[in-house]
Amino acid sequence: MKNVFALLMVLSGFMVFVSAIKAGDAGIEDGSKVAFDYTLIVDGKIADSSEGRGPLEYTQGDGKLIPGLTRQLVGMKAGDEKTVEVKPEEGYGLPDPSAVREIPFSAVPSDIKPEVGMILQMQDQAGRLLPAKVTEMKKDSIMIDLNHPMAGKTLVFKVKIVSVN
């Protein structure tokens, strides 16, 4: 077995099998510190990549990555490569119709001239910045969509595990 040592011992007439796995040979499990390279493909086009930036690092189970991706990385080891498809329900969710809102032009700073397709930065009551896509222009208002830009999209990740600790 590669990178594994095994020892058989005889203790009081019983055979005991002891094995140890060297660091880096373990598969991804909750608590693992993971580094991986990826390319994200959405609607047949590259949407993001770690190329030129170095691997993405995270701790398995910390909730910082989308659930559908982390779930499919379980058990992978350093050097493993895989294409992972994540359905919207396990990615950024399905579009929420209640996240489409109409706002008056007066709510938009005067130095911004909104156009359909433009992404505006909105701020919620907690101070978090949210991207809002302009979807329609009306006479005295605009329609904005506060859904995540990848809501409703199937995400395809090509991943290569760099390290697991």
N, C-alpha and C. Protein backbone atom coordinates (compact mmCIF):
# COMPACT_ATOMS: atom_id res chain seq x y z
N MET A 1 0.84 -1.17 0.00
CA MET A 1 0.00 0.00 0.00
C MET A 1 0.89 1.23 0.00
N LYS A 2 0.60 2.17 -0.88
CA LYS A 2 1.40 3.37 -1.03
C LYS A 2 1.28 4.27 0.20
N ASN A 3 2.43 4.72 0.71
CA ASN A 3 2.49 5.66 1.82
C ASN A 3 1.79 5.16 3.10
N VAL A 4 1.68 3.88 3.27
CA VAL A 4 1.05 3.34 4.47
C VAL A 4 1.97 2.26 5.03
N PHE A 5 2.11 2.25 6.34
CA PHE A 5 2.86 1.15 6.92
C PHE A 5 1.94 0.34 7.80
N ALA A 6 2.22 -0.91 7.88
CA ALA A 6 1.38 -1.79 8.68
C ALA A 6 2.28 -2.66 9.54
N LEU A 7 1.79 -3.01 10.69
CA LEU A 7 2.57 -3.80 11.63
C LEU A 7 1.65 -4.83 12.27
N LEU A 8 2.06 -6.07 12.20
CA LEU A 8 1.31 -7.12 12.89
C LEU A 8 2.05 -7.44 14.18
N MET A 9 1.31 -7.46 15.24
CA MET A 9 1.90 -7.74 16.54
C MET A 9 1.16 -8.91 17.18
N VAL A 10 1.87 -9.69 17.96
CA VAL A 10 1.23 -10.76 18.69
C VAL A 10 1.27 -10.39 20.17
N LEU A 11 0.09 -10.16 20.70
CA LEU A 11 -0.02 -9.81 22.11
C LEU A 11 -0.94 -10.81 22.79
N SER A 12 -0.42 -11.50 23.74
CA SER A 12 -1.20 -12.47 24.51
C SER A 12 -2.00 -13.39 23.61
N GLY A 13 -1.39 -13.85 22.54
CA GLY A 13 -2.04 -14.79 21.65
C GLY A 13 -2.99 -14.16 20.65
N PHE A 14 -3.15 -12.84 20.67
CA PHE A 14 -4.02 -12.16 19.72
C PHE A 14 -3.18 -11.41 18.69
N MET A 15 -3.60 -11.45 17.47
CA MET A 15 -2.91 -10.68 16.44
C MET A 15 -3.59 -9.31 16.35
N VAL A 16 -2.79 -8.28 16.37
CA VAL A 16 -3.29 -6.91 16.29
C VAL A 16 -2.72 -6.28 15.03
N PHE A 17 -3.58 -5.70 14.21
CA PHE A 17 -3.16 -5.04 13.00
C PHE A 17 -3.21 -3.53 13.25
N VAL A 18 -2.07 -2.89 13.12
CA VAL A 18 -1.97 -1.45 13.33
C VAL A 18 -1.57 -0.81 12.02
N SER A 19 -2.27 0.24 11.63
CA SER A 19 -1.85 0.93 10.43
C SER A 19 -1.92 2.42 10.69
N ALA A 20 -1.08 3.14 10.02
CA ALA A 20 -1.08 4.60 10.13
C ALA A 20 -1.00 5.17 8.73
N ILE A 21 -1.69 6.24 8.55
CA ILE A 21 -1.67 6.91 7.26
C ILE A 21 -0.83 8.17 7.42
N LYS A 22 0.11 8.37 6.51
CA LYS A 22 0.95 9.56 6.57
C LYS A 22 0.10 10.79 6.32
N ALA A 23 0.51 11.92 6.90
CA ALA A 23 -0.18 13.19 6.70
C ALA A 23 -0.27 13.47 5.21
N GLY A 24 -1.39 13.95 4.77
CA GLY A 24 -1.58 14.26 3.36
C GLY A 24 -2.26 13.15 2.59
N ASP A 25 -2.32 11.94 3.17
CA ASP A 25 -2.96 10.82 2.49
C ASP A 25 -4.42 10.68 2.92
N ALA A 26 -4.79 11.41 3.94
CA ALA A 26 -6.16 11.31 4.43
C ALA A 26 -7.12 11.96 3.44
N GLY A 27 -8.32 11.41 3.40
CA GLY A 27 -9.36 12.01 2.56
C GLY A 27 -10.01 13.17 3.29
N ILE A 28 -10.68 14.02 2.54
CA ILE A 28 -11.37 15.18 3.11
C ILE A 28 -12.51 14.71 4.00
N GLU A 29 -12.55 15.26 5.22
CA GLU A 29 -13.63 14.98 6.17
C GLU A 29 -13.85 16.25 6.99
N ASP A 30 -14.91 16.30 7.78
CA ASP A 30 -15.18 17.48 8.58
C ASP A 30 -13.94 17.86 9.39
N GLY A 31 -13.60 19.15 9.34
CA GLY A 31 -12.44 19.65 10.07
C GLY A 31 -11.16 19.68 9.25
N SER A 32 -11.13 18.99 8.10
CA SER A 32 -9.94 19.00 7.26
C SER A 32 -9.66 20.39 6.72
N LYS A 33 -8.41 20.78 6.73
CA LYS A 33 -7.98 22.02 6.09
C LYS A 33 -7.63 21.64 4.66
N VAL A 34 -8.32 22.25 3.70
CA VAL A 34 -8.22 21.84 2.30
C VAL A 34 -7.78 23.01 1.44
N ALA A 35 -6.92 22.73 0.48
CA ALA A 35 -6.55 23.71 -0.55
C ALA A 35 -6.82 23.03 -1.89
N PHE A 36 -7.53 23.74 -2.79
CA PHE A 36 -7.81 23.16 -4.09
C PHE A 36 -7.85 24.22 -5.17
N ASP A 37 -7.46 23.80 -6.37
CA ASP A 37 -7.57 24.62 -7.57
C ASP A 37 -8.91 24.31 -8.20
N TYR A 38 -9.50 25.31 -8.86
CA TYR A 38 -10.81 25.08 -9.47
C TYR A 38 -11.02 25.97 -10.69
N THR A 39 -11.92 25.52 -11.52
CA THR A 39 -12.49 26.33 -12.59
C THR A 39 -13.98 26.15 -12.48
N LEU A 40 -14.71 27.27 -12.43
CA LEU A 40 -16.16 27.24 -12.34
C LEU A 40 -16.74 27.56 -13.71
N ILE A 41 -17.61 26.67 -14.19
CA ILE A 41 -18.26 26.85 -15.49
C ILE A 41 -19.76 27.00 -15.24
N VAL A 42 -20.33 28.09 -15.79
CA VAL A 42 -21.75 28.36 -15.67
C VAL A 42 -22.28 28.67 -17.07
N ASP A 43 -23.35 28.00 -17.44
CA ASP A 43 -23.94 28.19 -18.77
C ASP A 43 -22.91 27.98 -19.89
N GLY A 44 -22.01 27.01 -19.68
CA GLY A 44 -21.02 26.66 -20.69
C GLY A 44 -19.83 27.60 -20.79
N LYS A 45 -19.76 28.60 -19.91
CA LYS A 45 -18.66 29.57 -19.95
C LYS A 45 -17.92 29.58 -18.62
N ILE A 46 -16.61 29.86 -18.67
CA ILE A 46 -15.83 29.97 -17.44
C ILE A 46 -16.29 31.24 -16.71
N ALA A 47 -16.76 31.05 -15.48
CA ALA A 47 -17.25 32.16 -14.65
C ALA A 47 -16.21 32.60 -13.63
N ASP A 48 -15.33 31.67 -13.22
CA ASP A 48 -14.32 31.97 -12.21
C ASP A 48 -13.27 30.87 -12.25
N SER A 49 -12.08 31.19 -11.75
CA SER A 49 -11.00 30.21 -11.71
C SER A 49 -9.97 30.65 -10.68
N SER A 50 -9.30 29.69 -10.09
CA SER A 50 -8.21 30.00 -9.16
C SER A 50 -6.89 30.18 -9.91
N GLU A 51 -6.89 29.94 -11.21
CA GLU A 51 -5.67 30.06 -12.00
C GLU A 51 -5.07 31.45 -11.85
N GLY A 52 -3.79 31.48 -11.54
CA GLY A 52 -3.08 32.74 -11.38
C GLY A 52 -3.25 33.36 -10.00
N ARG A 53 -4.13 32.81 -9.17
CA ARG A 53 -4.37 33.34 -7.82
C ARG A 53 -3.94 32.37 -6.73
N GLY A 54 -3.68 31.15 -7.11
CA GLY A 54 -3.36 30.13 -6.11
C GLY A 54 -4.61 29.42 -5.65
N PRO A 55 -4.43 28.29 -4.98
CA PRO A 55 -5.59 27.48 -4.57
C PRO A 55 -6.48 28.18 -3.55
N LEU A 56 -7.75 27.80 -3.57
CA LEU A 56 -8.72 28.26 -2.58
C LEU A 56 -8.53 27.39 -1.35
N GLU A 57 -8.52 28.01 -0.18
CA GLU A 57 -8.34 27.27 1.07
C GLU A 57 -9.59 27.42 1.94
N TYR A 58 -9.97 26.35 2.58
CA TYR A 58 -11.13 26.36 3.47
C TYR A 58 -11.01 25.20 4.44
N THR A 59 -11.89 25.21 5.44
CA THR A 59 -11.98 24.10 6.38
C THR A 59 -13.30 23.37 6.09
N GLN A 60 -13.21 22.06 5.82
CA GLN A 60 -14.39 21.27 5.49
C GLN A 60 -15.40 21.35 6.64
N GLY A 61 -16.63 21.70 6.29
CA GLY A 61 -17.70 21.75 7.27
C GLY A 61 -17.89 23.11 7.93
N ASP A 62 -17.07 24.12 7.54
CA ASP A 62 -17.21 25.43 8.18
C ASP A 62 -18.33 26.28 7.60
N GLY A 63 -18.95 25.79 6.52
CA GLY A 63 -20.09 26.49 5.94
C GLY A 63 -19.74 27.67 5.05
N LYS A 64 -18.46 27.85 4.73
CA LYS A 64 -18.06 29.00 3.92
C LYS A 64 -18.14 28.74 2.42
N LEU A 65 -18.27 27.49 2.02
CA LEU A 65 -18.46 27.15 0.61
C LEU A 65 -19.87 26.63 0.42
N ILE A 66 -20.35 26.66 -0.81
CA ILE A 66 -21.70 26.16 -1.06
C ILE A 66 -21.79 24.67 -0.71
N PRO A 67 -22.91 24.26 -0.13
CA PRO A 67 -23.06 22.89 0.36
C PRO A 67 -22.85 21.81 -0.69
N GLY A 68 -23.33 22.02 -1.90
CA GLY A 68 -23.21 21.01 -2.94
C GLY A 68 -21.79 20.73 -3.35
N LEU A 69 -20.93 21.72 -3.23
CA LEU A 69 -19.52 21.52 -3.55
C LEU A 69 -18.82 20.79 -2.42
N THR A 70 -18.96 21.27 -1.19
CA THR A 70 -18.25 20.64 -0.07
C THR A 70 -18.67 19.18 0.11
N ARG A 71 -19.96 18.92 -0.09
CA ARG A 71 -20.45 17.53 0.06
C ARG A 71 -19.75 16.60 -0.93
N GLN A 72 -19.52 17.07 -2.15
CA GLN A 72 -18.93 16.20 -3.17
C GLN A 72 -17.41 16.12 -3.09
N LEU A 73 -16.80 16.92 -2.22
CA LEU A 73 -15.34 16.83 -2.04
C LEU A 73 -14.96 15.82 -0.96
N VAL A 74 -15.92 15.39 -0.15
CA VAL A 74 -15.65 14.44 0.93
C VAL A 74 -14.96 13.20 0.38
N GLY A 75 -13.88 12.81 1.05
CA GLY A 75 -13.14 11.60 0.67
C GLY A 75 -12.03 11.83 -0.34
N MET A 76 -12.03 12.96 -1.03
CA MET A 76 -10.97 13.23 -2.00
C MET A 76 -9.65 13.45 -1.27
N LYS A 77 -8.54 13.14 -1.95
CA LYS A 77 -7.21 13.25 -1.38
C LYS A 77 -6.36 14.17 -2.23
N ALA A 78 -5.25 14.60 -1.67
CA ALA A 78 -4.31 15.45 -2.41
C ALA A 78 -3.96 14.78 -3.74
N GLY A 79 -4.05 15.55 -4.82
CA GLY A 79 -3.77 15.05 -6.16
C GLY A 79 -5.00 14.60 -6.92
N ASP A 80 -6.10 14.33 -6.21
CA ASP A 80 -7.33 13.90 -6.88
C ASP A 80 -7.92 15.04 -7.71
N GLU A 81 -8.51 14.68 -8.85
CA GLU A 81 -9.20 15.64 -9.70
C GLU A 81 -10.61 15.12 -9.96
N LYS A 82 -11.55 16.05 -10.12
CA LYS A 82 -12.94 15.66 -10.28
C LYS A 82 -13.72 16.82 -10.88
N THR A 83 -14.73 16.48 -11.67
CA THR A 83 -15.69 17.48 -12.14
C THR A 83 -16.94 17.30 -11.30
N VAL A 84 -17.37 18.39 -10.67
CA VAL A 84 -18.48 18.38 -9.73
C VAL A 84 -19.60 19.25 -10.28
N GLU A 85 -20.80 18.67 -10.39
CA GLU A 85 -21.97 19.43 -10.82
C GLU A 85 -22.83 19.73 -9.60
N VAL A 86 -23.14 21.02 -9.41
CA VAL A 86 -23.93 21.44 -8.27
C VAL A 86 -25.24 22.05 -8.78
N LYS A 87 -26.34 21.42 -8.41
CA LYS A 87 -27.67 21.91 -8.79
C LYS A 87 -27.98 23.19 -7.99
N PRO A 88 -28.85 24.05 -8.51
CA PRO A 88 -29.16 25.31 -7.84
C PRO A 88 -29.55 25.17 -6.37
N GLU A 89 -30.31 24.13 -6.04
CA GLU A 89 -30.76 23.94 -4.67
C GLU A 89 -29.61 23.76 -3.69
N GLU A 90 -28.45 23.29 -4.17
CA GLU A 90 -27.29 23.11 -3.30
C GLU A 90 -26.20 24.13 -3.60
N GLY A 91 -26.55 25.12 -4.42
CA GLY A 91 -25.61 26.18 -4.76
C GLY A 91 -26.11 27.50 -4.19
N TYR A 92 -26.56 28.37 -5.08
CA TYR A 92 -27.04 29.69 -4.67
C TYR A 92 -28.56 29.75 -4.60
N GLY A 93 -29.19 28.60 -4.68
CA GLY A 93 -30.64 28.55 -4.54
C GLY A 93 -31.38 28.88 -5.82
N LEU A 94 -32.68 28.76 -5.73
CA LEU A 94 -33.55 29.11 -6.85
C LEU A 94 -33.89 30.60 -6.73
N PRO A 95 -34.15 31.26 -7.85
CA PRO A 95 -34.52 32.68 -7.76
C PRO A 95 -35.77 32.86 -6.91
N ASP A 96 -35.75 33.87 -6.07
CA ASP A 96 -36.87 34.19 -5.20
C ASP A 96 -37.61 35.39 -5.79
N PRO A 97 -38.85 35.19 -6.25
CA PRO A 97 -39.59 36.29 -6.87
C PRO A 97 -39.75 37.51 -5.94
N SER A 98 -39.76 37.27 -4.62
CA SER A 98 -39.91 38.40 -3.69
C SER A 98 -38.65 39.26 -3.60
N ALA A 99 -37.56 38.79 -4.20
CA ALA A 99 -36.31 39.56 -4.21
C ALA A 99 -36.26 40.54 -5.38
N VAL A 100 -37.30 40.55 -6.20
CA VAL A 100 -37.42 41.52 -7.28
C VAL A 100 -38.28 42.66 -6.76
N ARG A 101 -37.71 43.86 -6.78
CA ARG A 101 -38.40 45.00 -6.17
C ARG A 101 -38.41 46.21 -7.09
N GLU A 102 -39.37 47.04 -6.86
CA GLU A 102 -39.46 48.30 -7.58
C GLU A 102 -39.01 49.42 -6.64
N ILE A 103 -38.07 50.26 -7.11
CA ILE A 103 -37.63 51.38 -6.28
C ILE A 103 -37.76 52.67 -7.09
N PRO A 104 -38.08 53.75 -6.42
CA PRO A 104 -38.21 55.02 -7.14
C PRO A 104 -36.85 55.56 -7.57
N PHE A 105 -36.83 56.33 -8.66
CA PHE A 105 -35.58 56.94 -9.10
C PHE A 105 -34.95 57.78 -8.00
N SER A 106 -35.78 58.35 -7.14
CA SER A 106 -35.26 59.19 -6.07
C SER A 106 -34.38 58.42 -5.07
N ALA A 107 -34.49 57.09 -5.06
CA ALA A 107 -33.67 56.27 -4.16
C ALA A 107 -32.28 56.01 -4.74
N VAL A 108 -32.09 56.37 -6.01
CA VAL A 108 -30.80 56.15 -6.69
C VAL A 108 -30.03 57.46 -6.64
N PRO A 109 -28.75 57.42 -6.21
CA PRO A 109 -27.95 58.65 -6.19
C PRO A 109 -27.97 59.34 -7.56
N SER A 110 -28.02 60.66 -7.55
CA SER A 110 -28.17 61.44 -8.78
C SER A 110 -27.01 61.28 -9.76
N ASP A 111 -25.83 60.88 -9.26
CA ASP A 111 -24.68 60.72 -10.16
C ASP A 111 -24.68 59.35 -10.86
N ILE A 112 -25.65 58.50 -10.55
CA ILE A 112 -25.75 57.18 -11.19
C ILE A 112 -26.92 57.20 -12.15
N LYS A 113 -26.67 56.80 -13.37
CA LYS A 113 -27.71 56.71 -14.40
C LYS A 113 -27.97 55.22 -14.67
N PRO A 114 -28.95 54.64 -13.99
CA PRO A 114 -29.20 53.20 -14.13
C PRO A 114 -29.64 52.81 -15.53
N GLU A 115 -29.20 51.61 -15.93
CA GLU A 115 -29.58 51.01 -17.21
C GLU A 115 -29.87 49.54 -16.97
N VAL A 116 -30.71 48.96 -17.81
CA VAL A 116 -31.02 47.53 -17.70
C VAL A 116 -29.71 46.74 -17.81
N GLY A 117 -29.52 45.81 -16.88
CA GLY A 117 -28.32 44.98 -16.85
C GLY A 117 -27.25 45.49 -15.89
N MET A 118 -27.33 46.75 -15.51
CA MET A 118 -26.35 47.34 -14.59
C MET A 118 -26.50 46.71 -13.21
N ILE A 119 -25.37 46.55 -12.53
CA ILE A 119 -25.38 46.04 -11.16
C ILE A 119 -25.14 47.23 -10.22
N LEU A 120 -26.10 47.47 -9.35
CA LEU A 120 -25.99 48.52 -8.36
C LEU A 120 -25.62 47.90 -7.01
N GLN A 121 -24.91 48.64 -6.18
CA GLN A 121 -24.61 48.18 -4.83
C GLN A 121 -25.65 48.77 -3.89
N MET A 122 -26.43 47.91 -3.27
CA MET A 122 -27.43 48.34 -2.30
C MET A 122 -26.90 47.97 -0.91
N GLN A 123 -27.43 48.62 0.11
CA GLN A 123 -27.02 48.31 1.48
C GLN A 123 -28.26 47.93 2.28
N ASP A 124 -28.17 46.79 2.99
CA ASP A 124 -29.32 46.38 3.81
C ASP A 124 -29.26 47.05 5.18
N GLN A 125 -30.23 46.76 6.03
CA GLN A 125 -30.31 47.41 7.34
C GLN A 125 -29.13 47.05 8.24
N ALA A 126 -28.49 45.92 7.98
CA ALA A 126 -27.34 45.51 8.79
C ALA A 126 -26.03 46.09 8.24
N GLY A 127 -26.12 46.84 7.14
CA GLY A 127 -24.93 47.46 6.58
C GLY A 127 -24.20 46.61 5.55
N ARG A 128 -24.73 45.44 5.25
CA ARG A 128 -24.10 44.56 4.25
C ARG A 128 -24.40 45.08 2.85
N LEU A 129 -23.40 45.02 1.98
CA LEU A 129 -23.59 45.41 0.59
C LEU A 129 -24.18 44.25 -0.20
N LEU A 130 -25.17 44.55 -1.01
CA LEU A 130 -25.84 43.54 -1.82
C LEU A 130 -25.84 43.99 -3.28
N PRO A 131 -25.49 43.09 -4.20
CA PRO A 131 -25.60 43.47 -5.61
C PRO A 131 -27.06 43.43 -6.04
N ALA A 132 -27.47 44.43 -6.78
CA ALA A 132 -28.85 44.51 -7.27
C ALA A 132 -28.79 44.76 -8.77
N LYS A 133 -29.34 43.84 -9.54
CA LYS A 133 -29.31 43.97 -11.00
C LYS A 133 -30.56 44.73 -11.46
N VAL A 134 -30.33 45.75 -12.28
CA VAL A 134 -31.45 46.51 -12.85
C VAL A 134 -32.07 45.65 -13.94
N THR A 135 -33.36 45.35 -13.81
CA THR A 135 -34.03 44.47 -14.77
C THR A 135 -35.02 45.20 -15.67
N GLU A 136 -35.47 46.37 -15.22
CA GLU A 136 -36.46 47.09 -16.03
C GLU A 136 -36.45 48.57 -15.64
N MET A 137 -36.63 49.42 -16.64
CA MET A 137 -36.74 50.86 -16.41
C MET A 137 -38.20 51.25 -16.61
N LYS A 138 -38.74 51.99 -15.66
CA LYS A 138 -40.10 52.50 -15.78
C LYS A 138 -40.03 54.03 -15.77
N LYS A 139 -41.18 54.66 -15.91
CA LYS A 139 -41.22 56.12 -15.99
C LYS A 139 -40.60 56.78 -14.75
N ASP A 140 -41.02 56.36 -13.56
CA ASP A 140 -40.56 57.00 -12.32
C ASP A 140 -39.82 56.05 -11.38
N SER A 141 -39.55 54.85 -11.87
CA SER A 141 -38.92 53.86 -11.00
C SER A 141 -38.10 52.87 -11.82
N ILE A 142 -37.39 52.02 -11.10
CA ILE A 142 -36.65 50.92 -11.74
C ILE A 142 -36.98 49.63 -11.00
N MET A 143 -36.89 48.53 -11.71
CA MET A 143 -37.04 47.21 -11.11
C MET A 143 -35.64 46.66 -10.88
N ILE A 144 -35.40 46.16 -9.66
CA ILE A 144 -34.11 45.55 -9.33
C ILE A 144 -34.32 44.12 -8.86
N ASP A 145 -33.31 43.29 -9.12
CA ASP A 145 -33.33 41.89 -8.70
C ASP A 145 -32.22 41.69 -7.69
N LEU A 146 -32.58 41.34 -6.45
CA LEU A 146 -31.61 41.14 -5.37
C LEU A 146 -31.17 39.68 -5.24
N ASN A 147 -31.64 38.80 -6.12
CA ASN A 147 -31.18 37.41 -6.08
C ASN A 147 -29.70 37.37 -6.41
N HIS A 148 -29.01 36.36 -5.88
CA HIS A 148 -27.61 36.17 -6.24
C HIS A 148 -27.53 35.97 -7.75
N PRO A 149 -26.53 36.53 -8.41
CA PRO A 149 -26.43 36.38 -9.87
C PRO A 149 -26.41 34.93 -10.36
N MET A 150 -26.02 33.99 -9.49
CA MET A 150 -25.97 32.59 -9.90
C MET A 150 -27.15 31.78 -9.36
N ALA A 151 -28.12 32.46 -8.78
CA ALA A 151 -29.33 31.75 -8.33
C ALA A 151 -30.01 31.12 -9.54
N GLY A 152 -30.41 29.87 -9.38
CA GLY A 152 -31.07 29.15 -10.46
C GLY A 152 -30.13 28.51 -11.46
N LYS A 153 -28.84 28.68 -11.27
CA LYS A 153 -27.85 28.14 -12.21
C LYS A 153 -27.25 26.84 -11.70
N THR A 154 -27.00 25.91 -12.65
CA THR A 154 -26.23 24.71 -12.33
C THR A 154 -24.77 25.10 -12.46
N LEU A 155 -23.99 24.79 -11.44
CA LEU A 155 -22.57 25.15 -11.39
C LEU A 155 -21.73 23.90 -11.65
N VAL A 156 -20.76 24.02 -12.53
CA VAL A 156 -19.86 22.91 -12.82
C VAL A 156 -18.45 23.34 -12.38
N PHE A 157 -17.91 22.62 -11.40
CA PHE A 157 -16.58 22.90 -10.89
C PHE A 157 -15.63 21.81 -11.36
N LYS A 158 -14.51 22.20 -11.94
CA LYS A 158 -13.42 21.27 -12.20
C LYS A 158 -12.42 21.54 -11.09
N VAL A 159 -12.22 20.54 -10.22
CA VAL A 159 -11.37 20.74 -9.04
C VAL A 159 -10.18 19.80 -9.05
N LYS A 160 -9.10 20.29 -8.45
CA LYS A 160 -7.92 19.46 -8.19
C LYS A 160 -7.48 19.77 -6.76
N ILE A 161 -7.48 18.73 -5.94
CA ILE A 161 -7.11 18.90 -4.54
C ILE A 161 -5.60 19.06 -4.44
N VAL A 162 -5.16 20.17 -3.83
CA VAL A 162 -3.74 20.44 -3.68
C VAL A 162 -3.23 19.86 -2.37
N SER A 163 -3.99 20.06 -1.27
CA SER A 163 -3.57 19.50 0.02
C SER A 163 -4.77 19.27 0.92
N VAL A 164 -4.60 18.30 1.82
CA VAL A 164 -5.59 17.99 2.85
C VAL A 164 -4.83 17.77 4.14
N ASN A 165 -5.15 18.54 5.15
CA ASN A 165 -4.48 18.40 6.46
C ASN A 165 -5.51 18.30 7.57
